Protein backbone atom coordinates (compact mmCIF):
# COMPACT_ATOMS: atom_id res chain seq x y z
CA MET A 1 218.02 158.70 78.63
CA ALA A 2 221.62 156.89 78.47
CA PRO A 3 223.13 156.83 75.09
CA ALA A 4 221.83 153.23 73.12
CA ASN A 5 224.87 151.07 72.89
CA THR A 6 223.72 147.55 73.62
CA SER A 7 221.27 144.95 71.40
CA ARG A 8 218.88 145.80 74.02
CA GLU A 9 218.95 149.49 74.34
CA GLN A 10 219.20 149.61 70.13
CA ALA A 11 215.88 147.14 70.09
CA ALA A 12 214.35 149.82 72.52
CA ARG A 13 213.21 151.56 69.47
CA ILE A 14 210.96 149.19 68.97
CA LYS A 15 208.63 150.16 71.89
CA SER A 16 206.32 152.91 71.96
CA THR A 17 208.53 155.62 73.97
CA PRO A 18 207.79 157.25 77.06
CA PHE A 19 208.65 160.55 78.08
CA PRO A 20 212.20 161.01 79.13
CA ASP A 21 213.25 160.10 82.45
CA GLY A 22 214.81 163.19 84.66
CA PHE A 23 211.73 165.06 83.35
CA VAL A 24 211.61 168.17 85.75
CA VAL A 25 209.41 171.52 85.27
CA ARG A 26 207.99 174.43 87.70
CA PRO A 27 204.53 173.84 89.23
CA THR A 28 201.97 173.03 86.59
CA LEU A 29 199.38 175.75 85.40
CA SER A 30 195.75 175.22 85.24
CA LEU A 31 194.82 174.28 82.32
CA GLN A 32 191.25 176.89 80.83
CA LEU A 33 189.39 174.13 79.16
CA ALA A 34 187.42 175.46 76.84
CA LEU A 35 184.30 173.41 77.30
CA SER A 36 181.40 174.32 74.77
CA VAL A 37 179.11 171.31 73.34
CA LEU A 38 180.70 169.50 70.23
CA SER A 39 180.98 172.12 67.17
CA ALA A 40 180.83 170.13 63.97
CA LEU A 41 184.12 168.79 62.64
CA SER A 42 185.69 170.45 59.41
CA VAL A 43 187.44 167.95 56.72
CA PHE A 44 190.50 169.88 55.45
CA THR A 45 190.30 169.49 51.76
CA GLY A 46 192.98 172.23 50.72
CA PRO A 47 196.28 171.96 49.50
CA SER A 48 199.43 170.02 51.36
CA ARG A 49 200.48 173.48 52.60
CA ALA A 50 199.00 176.28 54.43
CA ALA A 51 195.13 176.68 54.96
CA GLY A 52 193.19 179.66 56.22
CA ALA A 53 194.33 183.37 56.79
CA GLY A 54 196.17 184.01 59.34
CA ALA A 55 198.14 180.34 59.17
CA PRO A 56 201.87 180.48 60.91
CA ALA A 57 203.14 179.01 57.88
CA THR A 58 206.19 180.69 57.03
CA THR A 59 208.10 179.05 60.26
CA LEU A 60 206.62 175.96 59.87
CA ASP A 61 207.55 175.68 56.32
CA ALA A 62 211.22 177.24 56.90
CA ALA A 63 211.73 174.43 60.28
CA VAL A 64 210.38 171.43 57.72
CA GLU A 65 212.43 171.80 55.33
CA ARG A 66 215.46 172.54 57.50
CA GLU A 67 215.25 169.38 59.10
CA HIS A 68 214.30 167.51 55.61
CA ALA A 69 217.09 168.83 54.08
CA ALA A 70 219.62 167.82 56.91
CA ASN A 71 218.15 164.19 56.43
CA ARG A 72 216.22 164.46 60.06
CA PHE A 73 212.68 164.23 58.81
CA ASP A 74 210.32 163.03 56.34
CA GLY A 75 206.73 162.82 57.26
CA VAL A 76 203.44 165.26 57.70
CA VAL A 77 203.27 168.19 60.14
CA LEU A 78 199.68 169.37 60.73
CA VAL A 79 198.22 172.28 62.67
CA GLY A 80 194.68 172.31 64.04
CA ARG A 81 192.71 175.33 65.78
CA GLY A 82 189.45 176.08 66.36
CA GLY A 83 187.94 173.35 64.35
CA GLN A 84 189.72 173.34 61.66
CA LEU A 85 192.98 172.66 60.32
CA VAL A 86 194.99 175.79 59.34
CA TYR A 87 198.26 173.95 58.34
CA GLN A 88 199.26 170.82 56.52
CA ARG A 89 202.37 169.69 55.12
CA ALA A 90 203.86 166.67 53.68
CA ILE A 91 207.59 165.93 52.47
CA GLY A 92 209.89 163.25 51.76
CA TRP A 93 209.57 159.12 51.21
CA ALA A 94 206.72 157.03 52.48
CA ASP A 95 208.61 154.24 51.01
CA ARG A 96 212.51 155.22 49.25
CA ALA A 97 213.10 152.49 47.28
CA ARG A 98 210.04 152.95 45.22
CA ARG A 99 210.35 156.69 45.31
CA LEU A 100 206.81 156.79 47.11
CA PRO A 101 206.10 160.44 48.47
CA HIS A 102 204.60 161.24 51.86
CA ARG A 103 200.89 162.46 51.23
CA VAL A 104 198.81 164.54 54.12
CA ASP A 105 195.94 161.87 54.06
CA GLU A 106 197.61 158.75 54.22
CA SER A 107 197.87 156.69 57.59
CA TRP A 108 200.49 156.18 59.86
CA PRO A 109 200.62 153.97 63.11
CA TRP A 110 199.48 156.20 65.60
CA ALA A 111 202.29 154.28 68.46
CA SER A 112 201.52 154.71 71.83
CA VAL A 113 199.37 157.80 71.04
CA SER A 114 197.01 154.62 71.22
CA LYS A 115 197.73 154.97 75.08
CA GLN A 116 196.32 158.02 74.93
CA VAL A 117 192.94 156.65 73.20
CA ALA A 118 192.55 154.09 75.52
CA ALA A 119 192.82 156.52 78.18
CA VAL A 120 189.54 158.51 77.17
CA LEU A 121 187.81 155.48 77.19
CA ALA A 122 188.62 154.47 80.64
CA MET A 123 187.84 158.00 81.74
CA GLN A 124 184.35 157.66 80.09
CA LEU A 125 183.38 154.64 82.08
CA VAL A 126 184.95 156.47 85.16
CA GLU A 127 182.29 159.01 84.12
CA GLN A 128 179.68 156.87 84.10
CA ASP A 129 180.56 155.06 87.13
CA ARG A 130 181.44 151.86 85.82
CA LEU A 131 184.91 152.00 86.37
CA SER A 132 187.27 153.91 89.28
CA LEU A 133 190.34 154.38 89.42
CA GLY A 134 191.15 152.96 92.71
CA ALA A 135 189.68 149.55 91.59
CA ARG A 136 192.12 147.28 92.10
CA LEU A 137 193.13 144.53 89.48
CA ASP A 138 191.81 141.60 91.45
CA ALA A 139 188.82 142.66 91.09
CA LEU A 140 187.95 144.22 87.80
CA LEU A 141 189.93 141.27 85.92
CA PRO A 142 189.60 138.12 87.81
CA GLY A 143 191.69 135.22 87.10
CA PHE A 144 194.71 137.89 85.77
CA ALA A 145 197.52 135.64 87.53
CA SER A 146 199.86 138.33 88.27
CA PRO A 147 201.12 138.57 92.12
CA GLN A 148 199.93 141.84 92.48
CA ALA A 149 196.85 141.62 91.14
CA ASP A 150 195.21 142.51 94.52
CA SER A 151 197.32 145.84 94.85
CA ILE A 152 197.14 147.23 91.19
CA THR A 153 194.51 149.77 90.63
CA LEU A 154 193.05 151.14 87.11
CA ARG A 155 195.05 154.09 87.65
CA GLN A 156 198.06 152.93 88.38
CA LEU A 157 197.71 151.22 84.85
CA LEU A 158 197.05 154.56 83.02
CA GLN A 159 199.96 156.24 85.16
CA HIS A 160 202.88 153.39 84.56
CA THR A 161 202.89 152.92 87.90
CA SER A 162 202.00 149.29 88.27
CA GLY A 163 205.46 147.25 88.49
CA LEU A 164 203.97 145.16 85.59
CA PRO A 165 206.93 143.50 83.14
CA ASN A 166 207.80 145.11 80.35
CA PRO A 167 207.49 143.39 76.72
CA ASP A 168 210.42 145.34 76.30
CA ASP A 169 212.60 143.13 78.20
CA SER A 170 211.55 139.65 76.56
CA PRO A 171 214.52 138.19 74.24
CA LEU A 172 216.32 139.54 71.79
CA ARG A 173 215.48 138.51 68.11
CA GLY A 174 218.38 139.63 65.59
CA THR A 175 221.60 141.73 66.30
CA GLY A 176 222.01 145.37 66.67
CA GLU A 177 219.74 147.79 65.10
CA LYS A 178 217.76 145.16 63.46
CA ALA A 179 217.31 143.49 67.14
CA VAL A 180 213.82 142.85 67.61
CA PRO A 181 212.29 142.12 71.58
CA SER A 182 210.31 138.55 70.64
CA PHE A 183 207.39 139.60 72.31
CA TYR A 184 206.70 142.06 69.33
CA ALA A 185 207.51 140.05 66.35
CA ALA A 186 204.86 137.29 67.38
CA ARG A 187 202.29 136.04 65.05
CA PHE A 188 198.94 135.68 65.78
CA SER A 189 195.58 133.98 64.34
CA ASP A 190 193.07 136.63 65.83
CA ALA A 191 192.59 139.21 68.26
CA ALA A 192 192.13 136.59 71.73
CA GLY A 193 194.92 134.95 70.85
CA ALA A 194 196.78 138.14 71.06
CA MET A 195 195.28 138.68 74.14
CA ARG A 196 196.19 135.31 75.88
CA ALA A 197 199.67 135.61 74.87
CA ALA A 198 200.06 139.17 76.43
CA LEU A 199 197.96 138.91 79.58
CA ALA A 200 200.45 134.79 80.28
CA TYR A 201 203.62 137.23 79.96
CA CYS A 202 202.23 140.22 81.68
CA ALA A 203 201.19 138.05 84.52
CA GLY A 204 205.10 137.31 85.01
CA PRO A 205 207.53 138.64 87.83
CA PRO A 206 206.77 142.32 88.58
CA ARG A 207 209.70 144.75 87.90
CA ALA A 208 208.69 146.62 90.72
CA ALA A 209 205.78 146.53 94.13
CA ALA A 210 202.67 148.58 92.44
CA GLY A 211 202.83 152.14 93.26
CA ALA A 212 206.48 152.01 93.54
CA GLY A 213 207.50 154.60 91.30
CA PHE A 214 206.99 155.44 87.29
CA SER A 215 207.96 152.52 85.28
CA TYR A 216 207.05 152.87 81.56
CA ASN A 217 205.98 149.54 79.87
CA ASN A 218 203.10 148.27 77.27
CA CYS A 219 201.80 145.47 79.98
CA ASP A 220 199.95 148.25 81.72
CA THR A 221 198.33 149.03 78.77
CA TRP A 222 197.53 145.16 77.33
CA VAL A 223 195.94 145.05 80.73
CA LEU A 224 193.73 147.89 80.22
CA GLN A 225 193.06 146.42 77.36
CA ALA A 226 191.77 143.83 79.25
CA VAL A 227 189.72 145.43 81.84
CA LEU A 228 187.41 147.70 78.95
CA GLU A 229 186.63 144.78 77.07
CA ARG A 230 185.24 143.17 80.36
CA VAL A 231 183.73 145.48 81.81
CA THR A 232 181.61 146.42 78.36
CA GLY A 233 181.73 142.49 76.76
CA LEU A 234 182.72 144.13 73.95
CA PRO A 235 186.04 143.84 72.03
CA TYR A 236 188.56 146.48 71.73
CA VAL A 237 188.02 147.11 67.90
CA GLU A 238 184.03 147.57 68.69
CA LEU A 239 184.33 149.74 71.31
CA LEU A 240 186.57 151.90 69.64
CA GLU A 241 184.42 152.29 67.12
CA ARG A 242 181.15 152.89 68.96
CA GLN A 243 182.83 155.37 71.58
CA LEU A 244 185.09 157.49 69.02
CA ALA A 245 185.39 156.39 65.48
CA ALA A 246 181.74 156.42 64.27
CA PRO A 247 180.80 159.50 66.53
CA LEU A 248 183.59 161.42 65.04
CA ARG A 249 183.70 159.97 61.60
CA LEU A 250 186.86 158.30 61.99
CA SER A 251 186.81 156.27 59.07
CA ARG A 252 190.35 155.08 58.79
CA LEU A 253 190.67 154.15 61.73
CA ALA A 254 191.53 151.00 62.76
CA MET A 255 193.72 148.11 64.76
CA ALA A 256 196.45 146.15 63.39
CA ALA A 257 195.86 142.64 62.08
CA PRO A 258 196.83 140.46 64.25
CA GLY A 259 198.47 138.56 61.74
CA GLY A 260 201.08 141.05 61.32
CA ALA A 261 199.96 142.43 57.96
CA SER A 262 201.66 144.89 56.16
CA ARG A 263 201.11 148.34 57.55
CA GLY A 264 200.25 149.74 54.04
CA ALA A 265 202.76 152.12 51.69
CA LEU A 266 204.56 153.62 54.73
CA LEU A 267 208.33 152.59 55.78
CA GLY A 268 209.94 153.41 59.13
CA TYR A 269 214.19 153.70 58.41
CA LEU A 270 216.46 153.53 61.73
CA GLU A 271 219.21 156.10 61.79
CA ASP A 272 221.51 154.79 59.89
CA GLY A 273 218.62 154.76 56.67
CA GLN A 274 217.83 151.34 56.95
CA ALA A 275 214.32 149.94 56.78
CA GLU A 276 213.14 148.81 59.97
CA PRO A 277 213.06 145.22 60.74
CA PHE A 278 209.89 143.33 61.08
CA PHE A 279 207.91 143.33 63.81
CA ASN A 280 203.89 142.81 64.33
CA LEU A 281 201.99 146.09 65.13
CA ALA A 282 198.97 143.80 66.63
CA SER A 283 201.53 142.76 69.30
CA TYR A 284 201.30 146.48 70.91
CA GLY A 285 197.46 145.97 71.49
CA ALA A 286 195.29 148.91 73.02
CA GLY A 287 199.40 150.61 73.39
CA GLY A 288 200.16 151.26 69.94
CA ALA A 289 198.31 149.61 67.40
CA LEU A 290 196.00 152.18 66.18
CA ILE A 291 196.34 153.18 62.53
CA GLY A 292 194.72 156.57 61.29
CA THR A 293 195.33 159.62 59.64
CA PRO A 294 196.93 162.79 60.95
CA GLU A 295 193.65 164.58 60.02
CA GLU A 296 191.98 161.64 62.28
CA LEU A 297 194.00 162.00 65.08
CA TRP A 298 192.99 166.30 64.85
CA ARG A 299 189.25 165.29 65.24
CA PHE A 300 190.04 163.07 68.12
CA ASP A 301 192.03 165.98 69.63
CA HIS A 302 189.77 168.65 69.07
CA ALA A 303 186.80 166.56 69.78
CA LEU A 304 188.58 165.88 73.31
CA MET A 305 189.38 169.50 73.83
CA GLN A 306 186.08 170.59 73.44
CA GLY A 307 184.22 168.62 75.76
CA GLY A 308 182.38 166.19 73.39
CA LEU A 309 184.32 163.38 74.77
CA LEU A 310 184.18 163.87 78.38
CA GLY A 311 182.91 166.20 80.74
CA THR A 312 184.75 168.94 82.97
CA GLU A 313 185.58 167.65 85.73
CA ALA A 314 186.73 164.13 84.10
CA LEU A 315 188.84 166.20 81.58
CA LYS A 316 190.52 167.64 84.49
CA THR A 317 191.17 164.03 86.00
CA LEU A 318 192.58 163.15 82.79
CA TRP A 319 194.98 165.75 82.24
CA GLN A 320 196.30 166.37 85.53
CA GLY A 321 199.83 165.45 85.61
CA ALA A 322 201.64 164.66 89.03
CA PRO A 323 205.05 166.30 90.02
CA GLN A 324 206.59 163.45 91.38
CA LEU A 325 206.41 161.41 88.53
CA GLY A 326 207.41 164.38 86.30
CA TYR A 327 203.88 165.30 85.53
CA VAL A 328 202.83 161.81 83.63
CA ALA A 329 198.90 162.21 83.82
CA LEU A 330 196.69 159.43 82.66
CA GLY A 331 197.73 158.26 79.13
CA ALA A 332 199.83 161.45 78.44
CA TRP A 333 201.64 164.22 80.42
CA SER A 334 200.64 167.25 81.09
CA PHE A 335 202.63 170.50 81.83
CA PRO A 336 203.57 174.10 81.41
CA ALA A 337 206.28 175.43 79.25
CA ARG A 338 207.25 178.58 77.99
CA LEU A 339 207.48 178.86 74.08
CA PRO A 340 208.68 180.74 71.97
CA GLY A 341 206.57 184.37 71.30
CA CYS A 342 204.22 183.58 74.04
CA ALA A 343 204.38 185.84 77.15
CA GLU A 344 203.15 183.21 79.31
CA PRO A 345 203.94 179.53 80.12
CA VAL A 346 201.39 177.94 78.13
CA GLY A 347 199.57 174.66 79.57
CA LEU A 348 200.52 171.76 77.40
CA VAL A 349 199.06 167.98 76.81
CA GLU A 350 202.20 165.97 75.42
CA ARG A 351 201.80 162.30 74.09
CA ARG A 352 204.27 160.97 71.60
CA GLY A 353 205.42 157.84 70.67
CA GLN A 354 208.13 155.47 68.39
CA ILE A 355 208.17 152.43 67.02
CA GLY A 356 210.51 151.60 64.77
CA GLY A 357 211.44 154.42 62.91
CA VAL A 358 208.18 156.15 62.89
CA GLN A 359 207.90 158.54 65.49
CA VAL A 360 204.93 160.94 66.41
CA ARG A 361 203.99 163.84 68.60
CA ASN A 362 200.76 164.80 69.37
CA LEU A 363 200.45 168.27 71.90
CA LEU A 364 197.49 170.09 72.79
CA ALA A 365 197.67 173.29 73.67
CA PRO A 366 193.80 173.58 75.59
CA ALA A 367 193.24 176.94 76.61
CA PHE A 368 194.14 177.78 72.65
CA GLY A 369 191.37 175.41 71.34
CA ALA A 370 194.65 174.15 69.68
CA ALA A 371 197.00 171.21 68.59
CA LEU A 372 200.52 170.54 66.87
CA ILE A 373 200.35 166.60 65.37
CA VAL A 374 203.58 165.47 63.87
CA PHE A 375 204.45 162.05 62.45
CA SER A 376 208.19 161.06 61.23
CA ASN A 377 208.78 157.88 59.53
CA THR A 378 212.66 158.14 60.37
CA ALA A 379 214.42 157.64 64.04
CA ALA A 380 216.84 160.30 62.53
CA THR A 381 214.18 162.84 63.83
CA GLU A 382 215.60 164.71 66.45
CA PHE A 383 212.30 165.88 68.75
CA GLY A 384 214.53 167.24 71.27
CA GLU A 385 212.19 168.52 74.48
CA ILE A 386 209.95 171.23 75.30
CA TRP A 387 210.56 171.56 78.48
CA GLN A 388 214.11 172.51 77.96
CA GLY A 389 213.34 175.23 75.84
CA ARG A 390 215.00 173.99 73.24
CA GLY A 391 215.05 171.34 69.64
CA LEU A 392 212.34 171.12 67.14
CA ALA A 393 209.44 170.09 68.61
CA HIS A 394 209.80 173.79 70.59
CA GLU A 395 210.47 176.03 67.72
CA LEU A 396 207.50 174.02 66.16
CA ALA A 397 205.04 174.62 68.85
CA GLY A 398 206.23 178.29 69.16
CA ALA A 399 204.89 178.42 65.86
CA ALA A 400 202.06 176.57 66.02
CA PHE A 401 200.72 178.35 69.44
CA CYS A 402 201.93 181.57 69.94
CA SER A 403 203.17 183.04 66.92
CA PRO A 404 201.00 186.72 65.86
CA SER A 405 198.98 185.07 63.52
CA ALA A 406 198.00 182.44 65.99
CA ALA A 407 197.82 184.36 68.82
CA ALA A 408 195.34 186.46 66.92
CA ALA A 409 193.15 183.53 66.35
CA ARG A 410 192.83 182.39 69.76
CA PRO A 411 189.16 182.64 71.75
CA GLY A 412 189.23 186.86 72.84
CA GLY A 413 192.62 187.16 70.76
């Protein structure tokens, strides 16, 4: 992506960040899916550092402490493998002014990891023959006034090829680093009001023809949320509770309040160190409004990898990266990558997000039954690109999935 040098581009930090433009890798490996019956999920209650035998704590600690010392990382790093958490580390300040330290059990905005969750909910309905990936919006959501409703499919919503408008392009409020697209600054009295406002905006002039190419936007997931609510007859928050939160015991998983209430003690910070400007997290809907703990995200990841949320064929569809679209799959990206310590490329499923100063990386290695989860509350964190073979995310992934201790803990290792 080009460096941000205008108010509009600076305001893009308030969106949930997609995979970078120009993503190119070699042809994908087939993911070796471990699809056993969902095992009981263990709850980590130990110290904030390593837990369990063989955790690659030394390498992970070194990277986390180096970035923190350089003022490039405050947050939480978690590694799960084989049904348990093997590493957790919290470092730095959740609120710098009040000197509140990060904790491994604090709640975070999940940003665009919310889209990954929404894609799973959609695929559950596809698996039940209540939805079809080829179904078009004019049938799925009668009354949605987009001029392209008769040509946009469910799959296109999940892969960002619908051509719908992007709320990031709404008029800015504020200037410079504090500029926020007005769509994300609006306040609503209830969830229904937020949905009406979102659908009205998303029915506006399209950015591109449906299916013309990849174009990241948050309208896709707002419209997807409306489809899921219509098909199930349930508010999205209730669907989330029934299908994920209750079965997986995610007691703190929630949607941001429509009124724009504070998301708790955690604050995000911009690259210049200023606290992020106000935005209404609820204005992201199913595309970015989830709030939960890192450990709850691990439970979701583990259940997904073990086949507890979707069957074999549905998982393959969910994680089938499209090479012509930069390996975007449904709600995430799926690609092979060479990692330090692994002799062969590793099949990865990545979902990332950024809203304001909060950044998220949710990285799954399904063949290993492992996940690396990173939350940072500073926009100064430079994750780099795994597919380019360098950067913090590449380093952490190698330690989490390919260190000698990680290899010994793999199935068959």
